[in-house]
């Protein structure tokens, strides 16, 4: 969601459905994996937004049926962020 003004050019949130993952430990573990994959790969998108003076709020919803390895989540995050870079902000 693009927005007019924020204190930083990029904000994000992560959610994992309770319906799929009943145990809070599993939900928290998946959220940590998604946040870490985002943190390590956000720099190009953040730089693009900083240079264009646009702001963006992102919401990541984990829709997988099972607990994925970090490498799978990171690969998907890289693909998603590269796709967002190609879209004109």
PDB file of N, CA and C in Angstrom:
ATOM      1  N   UNK A   1       0.843  -1.167   0.000  1.00  0.00           N
ATOM      2  CA  UNK A   1       0.000   0.000   0.000  1.00  0.00           C
ATOM      3  C   UNK A   1       0.893   1.237   0.000  1.00  0.00           C
ATOM      4  N   UNK A   2       0.857   2.038  -1.048  1.00  0.00           N
ATOM      5  CA  UNK A   2       1.613   3.281  -1.021  1.00  0.00           C
ATOM      6  C   UNK A   2       0.933   4.278  -0.083  1.00  0.00           C
ATOM      7  N   UNK A   3       1.723   5.100   0.548  1.00  0.00           N
ATOM      8  CA  UNK A   3       1.184   6.073   1.501  1.00  0.00           C
ATOM      9  C   UNK A   3       1.954   7.372   1.364  1.00  0.00           C
ATOM     10  N   UNK A   4       1.329   8.460   1.708  1.00  0.00           N
ATOM     11  CA  UNK A   4       1.916   9.784   1.488  1.00  0.00           C
ATOM     12  C   UNK A   4       3.149  10.039   2.346  1.00  0.00           C
ATOM     13  N   UNK A   5       3.066   9.786   3.630  1.00  0.00           N
ATOM     14  CA  UNK A   5       4.179  10.159   4.493  1.00  0.00           C
ATOM     15  C   UNK A   5       4.345   9.179   5.658  1.00  0.00           C
ATOM     16  N   UNK A   6       5.571   8.758   5.871  1.00  0.00           N
ATOM     17  CA  UNK A   6       5.946   7.899   6.991  1.00  0.00           C
ATOM     18  C   UNK A   6       7.275   8.386   7.536  1.00  0.00           C
ATOM     19  N   UNK A   7       7.656   7.906   8.716  1.00  0.00           N
ATOM     20  CA  UNK A   7       8.947   8.278   9.266  1.00  0.00           C
ATOM     21  C   UNK A   7      10.089   7.535   8.580  1.00  0.00           C
ATOM     22  N   UNK A   8       9.803   6.419   7.917  1.00  0.00           N
ATOM     23  CA  UNK A   8      10.795   5.712   7.116  1.00  0.00           C
ATOM     24  C   UNK A   8      10.131   5.309   5.796  1.00  0.00           C
ATOM     25  N   UNK A   9      10.913   5.096   4.749  1.00  0.00           N
ATOM     26  CA  UNK A   9      10.301   4.820   3.448  1.00  0.00           C
ATOM     27  C   UNK A   9       9.633   3.450   3.340  1.00  0.00           C
ATOM     28  N   UNK A  10       9.941   2.544   4.268  1.00  0.00           N
ATOM     29  CA  UNK A  10       9.443   1.180   4.134  1.00  0.00           C
ATOM     30  C   UNK A  10       9.080   0.605   5.502  1.00  0.00           C
ATOM     31  N   UNK A  11       7.855   0.126   5.632  1.00  0.00           N
ATOM     32  CA  UNK A  11       7.392  -0.553   6.851  1.00  0.00           C
ATOM     33  C   UNK A  11       6.856  -1.917   6.450  1.00  0.00           C
ATOM     34  N   UNK A  12       6.915  -2.874   7.360  1.00  0.00           N
ATOM     35  CA  UNK A  12       6.415  -4.211   7.050  1.00  0.00           C
ATOM     36  C   UNK A  12       5.810  -4.875   8.271  1.00  0.00           C
ATOM     37  N   UNK A  13       4.934  -5.846   7.982  1.00  0.00           N
ATOM     38  CA  UNK A  13       4.327  -6.661   9.030  1.00  0.00           C
ATOM     39  C   UNK A  13       4.208  -8.085   8.487  1.00  0.00           C
ATOM     40  N   UNK A  14       4.161  -9.045   9.400  1.00  0.00           N
ATOM     41  CA  UNK A  14       4.061 -10.457   9.022  1.00  0.00           C
ATOM     42  C   UNK A  14       2.933 -11.091   9.824  1.00  0.00           C
ATOM     43  N   UNK A  15       2.180 -11.941   9.157  1.00  0.00           N
ATOM     44  CA  UNK A  15       1.151 -12.690   9.856  1.00  0.00           C
ATOM     45  C   UNK A  15       1.176 -14.148   9.395  1.00  0.00           C
ATOM     46  N   UNK A  16       0.913 -15.038  10.344  1.00  0.00           N
ATOM     47  CA  UNK A  16       0.820 -16.475  10.078  1.00  0.00           C
ATOM     48  C   UNK A  16      -0.520 -16.921  10.659  1.00  0.00           C
ATOM     49  N   UNK A  17      -1.367 -17.568   9.853  1.00  0.00           N
ATOM     50  CA  UNK A  17      -2.725 -17.897  10.315  1.00  0.00           C
ATOM     51  C   UNK A  17      -2.757 -18.934  11.439  1.00  0.00           C
ATOM     52  N   UNK A  18      -3.556 -18.621  12.434  1.00  0.00           N
ATOM     53  CA  UNK A  18      -3.730 -19.521  13.561  1.00  0.00           C
ATOM     54  C   UNK A  18      -4.476 -20.794  13.142  1.00  0.00           C
ATOM     55  N   UNK A  19      -5.275 -20.678  12.122  1.00  0.00           N
ATOM     56  CA  UNK A  19      -6.034 -21.842  11.644  1.00  0.00           C
ATOM     57  C   UNK A  19      -5.100 -22.933  11.120  1.00  0.00           C
ATOM     58  N   UNK A  20      -4.023 -22.529  10.450  1.00  0.00           N
ATOM     59  CA  UNK A  20      -3.070 -23.500   9.903  1.00  0.00           C
ATOM     60  C   UNK A  20      -2.067 -23.988  10.947  1.00  0.00           C
ATOM     61  N   UNK A  21      -1.631 -23.074  11.818  1.00  0.00           N
ATOM     62  CA  UNK A  21      -0.600 -23.387  12.811  1.00  0.00           C
ATOM     63  C   UNK A  21      -1.154 -23.083  14.200  1.00  0.00           C
ATOM     64  N   UNK A  22      -1.694 -24.106  14.824  1.00  0.00           N
ATOM     65  CA  UNK A  22      -2.354 -23.935  16.127  1.00  0.00           C
ATOM     66  C   UNK A  22      -1.376 -23.535  17.224  1.00  0.00           C
ATOM     67  N   UNK A  23      -0.166 -24.060  17.150  1.00  0.00           N
ATOM     68  CA  UNK A  23       0.828 -23.829  18.192  1.00  0.00           C
ATOM     69  C   UNK A  23       1.519 -22.468  17.988  1.00  0.00           C
ATOM     70  N   UNK A  24       1.489 -21.622  18.989  1.00  0.00           N
ATOM     71  CA  UNK A  24       2.088 -20.289  18.896  1.00  0.00           C
ATOM     72  C   UNK A  24       3.590 -20.358  18.619  1.00  0.00           C
ATOM     73  N   UNK A  25       4.244 -21.389  19.117  1.00  0.00           N
ATOM     74  CA  UNK A  25       5.682 -21.540  18.891  1.00  0.00           C
ATOM     75  C   UNK A  25       5.968 -21.681  17.395  1.00  0.00           C
ATOM     76  N   UNK A  26       5.144 -22.445  16.702  1.00  0.00           N
ATOM     77  CA  UNK A  26       5.321 -22.613  15.259  1.00  0.00           C
ATOM     78  C   UNK A  26       5.056 -21.315  14.507  1.00  0.00           C
ATOM     79  N   UNK A  27       3.996 -20.617  14.884  1.00  0.00           N
ATOM     80  CA  UNK A  27       3.685 -19.329  14.237  1.00  0.00           C
ATOM     81  C   UNK A  27       4.821 -18.338  14.434  1.00  0.00           C
ATOM     82  N   UNK A  28       5.323 -18.239  15.639  1.00  0.00           N
ATOM     83  CA  UNK A  28       6.409 -17.302  15.921  1.00  0.00           C
ATOM     84  C   UNK A  28       7.681 -17.682  15.175  1.00  0.00           C
ATOM     85  N   UNK A  29       7.947 -18.970  15.076  1.00  0.00           N
ATOM     86  CA  UNK A  29       9.138 -19.438  14.366  1.00  0.00           C
ATOM     87  C   UNK A  29       9.064 -19.045  12.883  1.00  0.00           C
ATOM     88  N   UNK A  30       7.907 -19.237  12.274  1.00  0.00           N
ATOM     89  CA  UNK A  30       7.731 -18.858  10.871  1.00  0.00           C
ATOM     90  C   UNK A  30       7.833 -17.340  10.679  1.00  0.00           C
ATOM     91  N   UNK A  31       7.257 -16.581  11.605  1.00  0.00           N
ATOM     92  CA  UNK A  31       7.349 -15.119  11.503  1.00  0.00           C
ATOM     93  C   UNK A  31       8.802 -14.656  11.609  1.00  0.00           C
ATOM     94  N   UNK A  32       9.583 -15.276  12.475  1.00  0.00           N
ATOM     95  CA  UNK A  32      10.999 -14.918  12.585  1.00  0.00           C
ATOM     96  C   UNK A  32      11.737 -15.209  11.291  1.00  0.00           C
ATOM     97  N   UNK A  33      11.439 -16.353  10.664  1.00  0.00           N
ATOM     98  CA  UNK A  33      12.085 -16.697   9.397  1.00  0.00           C
ATOM     99  C   UNK A  33      11.737 -15.685   8.303  1.00  0.00           C
ATOM    100  N   UNK A  34      10.473 -15.308   8.207  1.00  0.00           N
ATOM    101  CA  UNK A  34      10.046 -14.346   7.189  1.00  0.00           C
ATOM    102  C   UNK A  34      10.686 -12.983   7.443  1.00  0.00           C
ATOM    103  N   UNK A  35      10.683 -12.527   8.697  1.00  0.00           N
ATOM    104  CA  UNK A  35      11.291 -11.222   9.023  1.00  0.00           C
ATOM    105  C   UNK A  35      12.781 -11.205   8.713  1.00  0.00           C
ATOM    106  N   UNK A  36      13.472 -12.300   9.003  1.00  0.00           N
ATOM    107  CA  UNK A  36      14.911 -12.359   8.741  1.00  0.00           C
ATOM    108  C   UNK A  36      15.186 -12.363   7.239  1.00  0.00           C
ATOM    109  N   UNK A  37      14.414 -13.102   6.478  1.00  0.00           N
ATOM    110  CA  UNK A  37      14.581 -13.117   5.017  1.00  0.00           C
ATOM    111  C   UNK A  37      14.330 -11.727   4.445  1.00  0.00           C
ATOM    112  N   UNK A  38      13.340 -11.030   4.963  1.00  0.00           N
ATOM    113  CA  UNK A  38      13.046  -9.667   4.521  1.00  0.00           C
ATOM    114  C   UNK A  38      14.193  -8.722   4.898  1.00  0.00           C
ATOM    115  N   UNK A  39      14.652  -8.822   6.130  1.00  0.00           N
ATOM    116  CA  UNK A  39      15.699  -7.922   6.618  1.00  0.00           C
ATOM    117  C   UNK A  39      16.974  -8.033   5.775  1.00  0.00           C
ATOM    118  N   UNK A  40      17.331  -9.243   5.403  1.00  0.00           N
ATOM    119  CA  UNK A  40      18.560  -9.454   4.650  1.00  0.00           C
ATOM    120  C   UNK A  40      18.443  -9.053   3.181  1.00  0.00           C
ATOM    121  N   UNK A  41      17.231  -8.941   2.659  1.00  0.00           N
ATOM    122  CA  UNK A  41      17.050  -8.699   1.229  1.00  0.00           C
ATOM    123  C   UNK A  41      16.293  -7.417   0.891  1.00  0.00           C
ATOM    124  N   UNK A  42      16.041  -6.561   1.853  1.00  0.00           N
ATOM    125  CA  UNK A  42      15.240  -5.370   1.613  1.00  0.00           C
ATOM    126  C   UNK A  42      16.016  -4.188   1.037  1.00  0.00           C
ATOM    127  N   UNK A  43      17.327  -4.206   1.080  1.00  0.00           N
ATOM    128  CA  UNK A  43      18.143  -3.038   0.738  1.00  0.00           C
ATOM    129  C   UNK A  43      17.851  -2.454  -0.641  1.00  0.00           C
ATOM    130  N   UNK A  44      17.787  -3.231  -1.724  1.00  0.00           N
ATOM    131  CA  UNK A  44      17.516  -2.616  -3.033  1.00  0.00           C
ATOM    132  C   UNK A  44      16.169  -1.893  -3.099  1.00  0.00           C
ATOM    133  N   UNK A  45      15.143  -2.482  -2.527  1.00  0.00           N
ATOM    134  CA  UNK A  45      13.824  -1.842  -2.519  1.00  0.00           C
ATOM    135  C   UNK A  45      13.840  -0.586  -1.671  1.00  0.00           C
ATOM    136  N   UNK A  46      14.517  -0.642  -0.542  1.00  0.00           N
ATOM    137  CA  UNK A  46      14.621   0.509   0.348  1.00  0.00           C
ATOM    138  C   UNK A  46      15.368   1.654  -0.336  1.00  0.00           C
ATOM    139  N   UNK A  47      16.430   1.329  -1.060  1.00  0.00           N
ATOM    140  CA  UNK A  47      17.190   2.352  -1.780  1.00  0.00           C
ATOM    141  C   UNK A  47      16.347   3.006  -2.872  1.00  0.00           C
ATOM    142  N   UNK A  48      15.587   2.195  -3.596  1.00  0.00           N
ATOM    143  CA  UNK A  48      14.733   2.727  -4.662  1.00  0.00           C
ATOM    144  C   UNK A  48      13.683   3.670  -4.085  1.00  0.00           C
ATOM    145  N   UNK A  49      13.086   3.292  -2.963  1.00  0.00           N
ATOM    146  CA  UNK A  49      12.071   4.141  -2.345  1.00  0.00           C
ATOM    147  C   UNK A  49      12.676   5.423  -1.782  1.00  0.00           C
ATOM    148  N   UNK A  50      13.873   5.336  -1.224  1.00  0.00           N
ATOM    149  CA  UNK A  50      14.538   6.520  -0.684  1.00  0.00           C
ATOM    150  C   UNK A  50      14.850   7.529  -1.779  1.00  0.00           C
ATOM    151  N   UNK A  51      15.311   7.026  -2.915  1.00  0.00           N
ATOM    152  CA  UNK A  51      15.671   7.927  -4.010  1.00  0.00           C
ATOM    153  C   UNK A  51      14.442   8.537  -4.678  1.00  0.00           C
ATOM    154  N   UNK A  52      13.302   7.855  -4.619  1.00  0.00           N
ATOM    155  CA  UNK A  52      12.104   8.383  -5.270  1.00  0.00           C
ATOM    156  C   UNK A  52      11.179   9.122  -4.303  1.00  0.00           C
ATOM    157  N   UNK A  53      11.534   9.192  -3.052  1.00  0.00           N
ATOM    158  CA  UNK A  53      10.766   9.846  -1.984  1.00  0.00           C
ATOM    159  C   UNK A  53       9.347   9.292  -1.856  1.00  0.00           C
ATOM    160  N   UNK A  54       9.161   8.032  -2.180  1.00  0.00           N
ATOM    161  CA  UNK A  54       7.889   7.346  -1.958  1.00  0.00           C
ATOM    162  C   UNK A  54       7.967   6.539  -0.671  1.00  0.00           C
ATOM    163  N   UNK A  55       6.799   6.181  -0.142  1.00  0.00           N
ATOM    164  CA  UNK A  55       6.715   5.375   1.072  1.00  0.00           C
ATOM    165  C   UNK A  55       5.831   4.170   0.789  1.00  0.00           C
ATOM    166  N   UNK A  56       6.122   3.073   1.477  1.00  0.00           N
ATOM    167  CA  UNK A  56       5.397   1.838   1.214  1.00  0.00           C
ATOM    168  C   UNK A  56       5.206   1.061   2.510  1.00  0.00           C
ATOM    169  N   UNK A  57       4.013   0.482   2.673  1.00  0.00           N
ATOM    170  CA  UNK A  57       3.716  -0.403   3.793  1.00  0.00           C
ATOM    171  C   UNK A  57       3.463  -1.789   3.213  1.00  0.00           C
ATOM    172  N   UNK A  58       4.179  -2.794   3.697  1.00  0.00           N
ATOM    173  CA  UNK A  58       4.052  -4.160   3.200  1.00  0.00           C
ATOM    174  C   UNK A  58       3.467  -5.065   4.281  1.00  0.00           C
ATOM    175  N   UNK A  59       2.629  -6.007   3.864  1.00  0.00           N
ATOM    176  CA  UNK A  59       2.082  -7.006   4.778  1.00  0.00           C
ATOM    177  C   UNK A  59       2.328  -8.368   4.156  1.00  0.00           C
ATOM    178  N   UNK A  60       3.096  -9.195   4.827  1.00  0.00           N
ATOM    179  CA  UNK A  60       3.388 -10.538   4.350  1.00  0.00           C
ATOM    180  C   UNK A  60       2.500 -11.525   5.095  1.00  0.00           C
ATOM    181  N   UNK A  61       1.767 -12.331   4.342  1.00  0.00           N
ATOM    182  CA  UNK A  61       0.889 -13.343   4.919  1.00  0.00           C
ATOM    183  C   UNK A  61       1.434 -14.708   4.508  1.00  0.00           C
ATOM    184  N   UNK A  62       1.802 -15.498   5.489  1.00  0.00           N
ATOM    185  CA  UNK A  62       2.325 -16.838   5.215  1.00  0.00           C
ATOM    186  C   UNK A  62       1.151 -17.739   4.863  1.00  0.00           C
ATOM    187  N   UNK A  63       1.134 -18.275   3.640  1.00  0.00           N
ATOM    188  CA  UNK A  63       0.011 -19.097   3.196  1.00  0.00           C
ATOM    189  C   UNK A  63       0.381 -20.562   3.010  1.00  0.00           C
ATOM    190  N   UNK A  64       1.587 -20.946   3.380  1.00  0.00           N
ATOM    191  CA  UNK A  64       2.014 -22.333   3.249  1.00  0.00           C
ATOM    192  C   UNK A  64       1.249 -23.253   4.184  1.00  0.00           C
ATOM    193  N   UNK A  65       1.212 -24.523   3.830  1.00  0.00           N
ATOM    194  CA  UNK A  65       0.500 -25.513   4.641  1.00  0.00           C
ATOM    195  C   UNK A  65       1.374 -26.134   5.723  1.00  0.00           C
ATOM    196  N   UNK A  66       2.699 -26.006   5.574  1.00  0.00           N
ATOM    197  CA  UNK A  66       3.592 -26.641   6.534  1.00  0.00           C
ATOM    198  C   UNK A  66       4.762 -25.739   6.885  1.00  0.00           C
ATOM    199  N   UNK A  67       5.582 -26.227   7.802  1.00  0.00           N
ATOM    200  CA  UNK A  67       6.772 -25.496   8.223  1.00  0.00           C
ATOM    201  C   UNK A  67       7.835 -25.645   7.128  1.00  0.00           C
ATOM    202  N   UNK A  68       8.202 -24.554   6.503  1.00  0.00           N
ATOM    203  CA  UNK A  68       9.224 -24.576   5.450  1.00  0.00           C
ATOM    204  C   UNK A  68      10.586 -24.247   6.034  1.00  0.00           C
ATOM    205  N   UNK A  69      11.618 -24.698   5.347  1.00  0.00           N
ATOM    206  CA  UNK A  69      12.987 -24.376   5.712  1.00  0.00           C
ATOM    207  C   UNK A  69      13.243 -22.898   5.399  1.00  0.00           C
ATOM    208  N   UNK A  70      14.215 -22.333   6.085  1.00  0.00           N
ATOM    209  CA  UNK A  70      14.552 -20.926   5.868  1.00  0.00           C
ATOM    210  C   UNK A  70      14.956 -20.670   4.418  1.00  0.00           C
ATOM    211  N   UNK A  71      15.687 -21.589   3.805  1.00  0.00           N
ATOM    212  CA  UNK A  71      16.158 -21.389   2.433  1.00  0.00           C
ATOM    213  C   UNK A  71      14.995 -21.238   1.452  1.00  0.00           C
ATOM    214  N   UNK A  72      13.918 -21.953   1.664  1.00  0.00           N
ATOM    215  CA  UNK A  72      12.733 -21.854   0.798  1.00  0.00           C
ATOM    216  C   UNK A  72      12.065 -20.497   0.982  1.00  0.00           C
ATOM    217  N   UNK A  73      11.952 -20.061   2.231  1.00  0.00           N
ATOM    218  CA  UNK A  73      11.331 -18.772   2.526  1.00  0.00           C
ATOM    219  C   UNK A  73      12.176 -17.642   1.963  1.00  0.00           C
ATOM    220  N   UNK A  74      13.490 -17.737   2.107  1.00  0.00           N
ATOM    221  CA  UNK A  74      14.368 -16.685   1.595  1.00  0.00           C
ATOM    222  C   UNK A  74      14.308 -16.604   0.070  1.00  0.00           C
ATOM    223  N   UNK A  75      14.253 -17.736  -0.587  1.00  0.00           N
ATOM    224  CA  UNK A  75      14.163 -17.753  -2.050  1.00  0.00           C
ATOM    225  C   UNK A  75      12.871 -17.072  -2.514  1.00  0.00           C
ATOM    226  N   UNK A  76      11.775 -17.369  -1.853  1.00  0.00           N
ATOM    227  CA  UNK A  76      10.493 -16.749  -2.196  1.00  0.00           C
ATOM    228  C   UNK A  76      10.517 -15.245  -1.914  1.00  0.00           C
ATOM    229  N   UNK A  77      11.154 -14.852  -0.809  1.00  0.00           N
ATOM    230  CA  UNK A  77      11.237 -13.432  -0.459  1.00  0.00           C
ATOM    231  C   UNK A  77      12.062 -12.671  -1.494  1.00  0.00           C
ATOM    232  N   UNK A  78      13.184 -13.244  -1.919  1.00  0.00           N
ATOM    233  CA  UNK A  78      14.015 -12.604  -2.946  1.00  0.00           C
ATOM    234  C   UNK A  78      13.223 -12.412  -4.230  1.00  0.00           C
ATOM    235  N   UNK A  79      12.500 -13.444  -4.623  1.00  0.00           N
ATOM    236  CA  UNK A  79      11.702 -13.381  -5.846  1.00  0.00           C
ATOM    237  C   UNK A  79      10.641 -12.283  -5.743  1.00  0.00           C
ATOM    238  N   UNK A  80       9.971 -12.212  -4.609  1.00  0.00           N
ATOM    239  CA  UNK A  80       8.933 -11.209  -4.400  1.00  0.00           C
ATOM    240  C   UNK A  80       9.491  -9.795  -4.398  1.00  0.00           C
ATOM    241  N   UNK A  81      10.609  -9.583  -3.707  1.00  0.00           N
ATOM    242  CA  UNK A  81      11.184  -8.248  -3.642  1.00  0.00           C
ATOM    243  C   UNK A  81      11.734  -7.814  -5.003  1.00  0.00           C
ATOM    244  N   UNK A  82      12.282  -8.733  -5.777  1.00  0.00           N
ATOM    245  CA  UNK A  82      12.731  -8.387  -7.128  1.00  0.00           C
ATOM    246  C   UNK A  82      11.556  -8.007  -8.015  1.00  0.00           C
ATOM    247  N   UNK A  83      10.461  -8.695  -7.852  1.00  0.00           N
ATOM    248  CA  UNK A  83       9.247  -8.372  -8.605  1.00  0.00           C
ATOM    249  C   UNK A  83       8.747  -6.972  -8.228  1.00  0.00           C
ATOM    250  N   UNK A  84       8.819  -6.632  -6.965  1.00  0.00           N
ATOM    251  CA  UNK A  84       8.388  -5.308  -6.500  1.00  0.00           C
ATOM    252  C   UNK A  84       9.314  -4.217  -7.031  1.00  0.00           C
ATOM    253  N   UNK A  85      10.589  -4.535  -7.203  1.00  0.00           N
ATOM    254  CA  UNK A  85      11.534  -3.564  -7.750  1.00  0.00           C
ATOM    255  C   UNK A  85      11.193  -3.214  -9.195  1.00  0.00           C
ATOM    256  N   UNK A  86      10.697  -4.181  -9.939  1.00  0.00           N
ATOM    257  CA  UNK A  86      10.386  -3.934 -11.346  1.00  0.00           C
ATOM    258  C   UNK A  86       9.112  -3.125 -11.532  1.00  0.00           C
ATOM    259  N   UNK A  87       8.245  -3.090 -10.500  1.00  0.00           N
ATOM    260  CA  UNK A  87       7.023  -2.299 -10.581  1.00  0.00           C
ATOM    261  C   UNK A  87       7.364  -0.847 -10.320  1.00  0.00           C
ATOM    262  N   UNK A  88       6.824   0.031 -11.115  1.00  0.00           N
ATOM    263  CA  UNK A  88       7.097   1.462 -10.969  1.00  0.00           C
ATOM    264  C   UNK A  88       6.414   1.996  -9.717  1.00  0.00           C
ATOM    265  N   UNK A  89       7.176   2.618  -8.826  1.00  0.00           N
ATOM    266  CA  UNK A  89       6.625   3.178  -7.582  1.00  0.00           C
ATOM    267  C   UNK A  89       6.135   4.587  -7.782  1.00  0.00           C
TER     268      UNK A  89
END
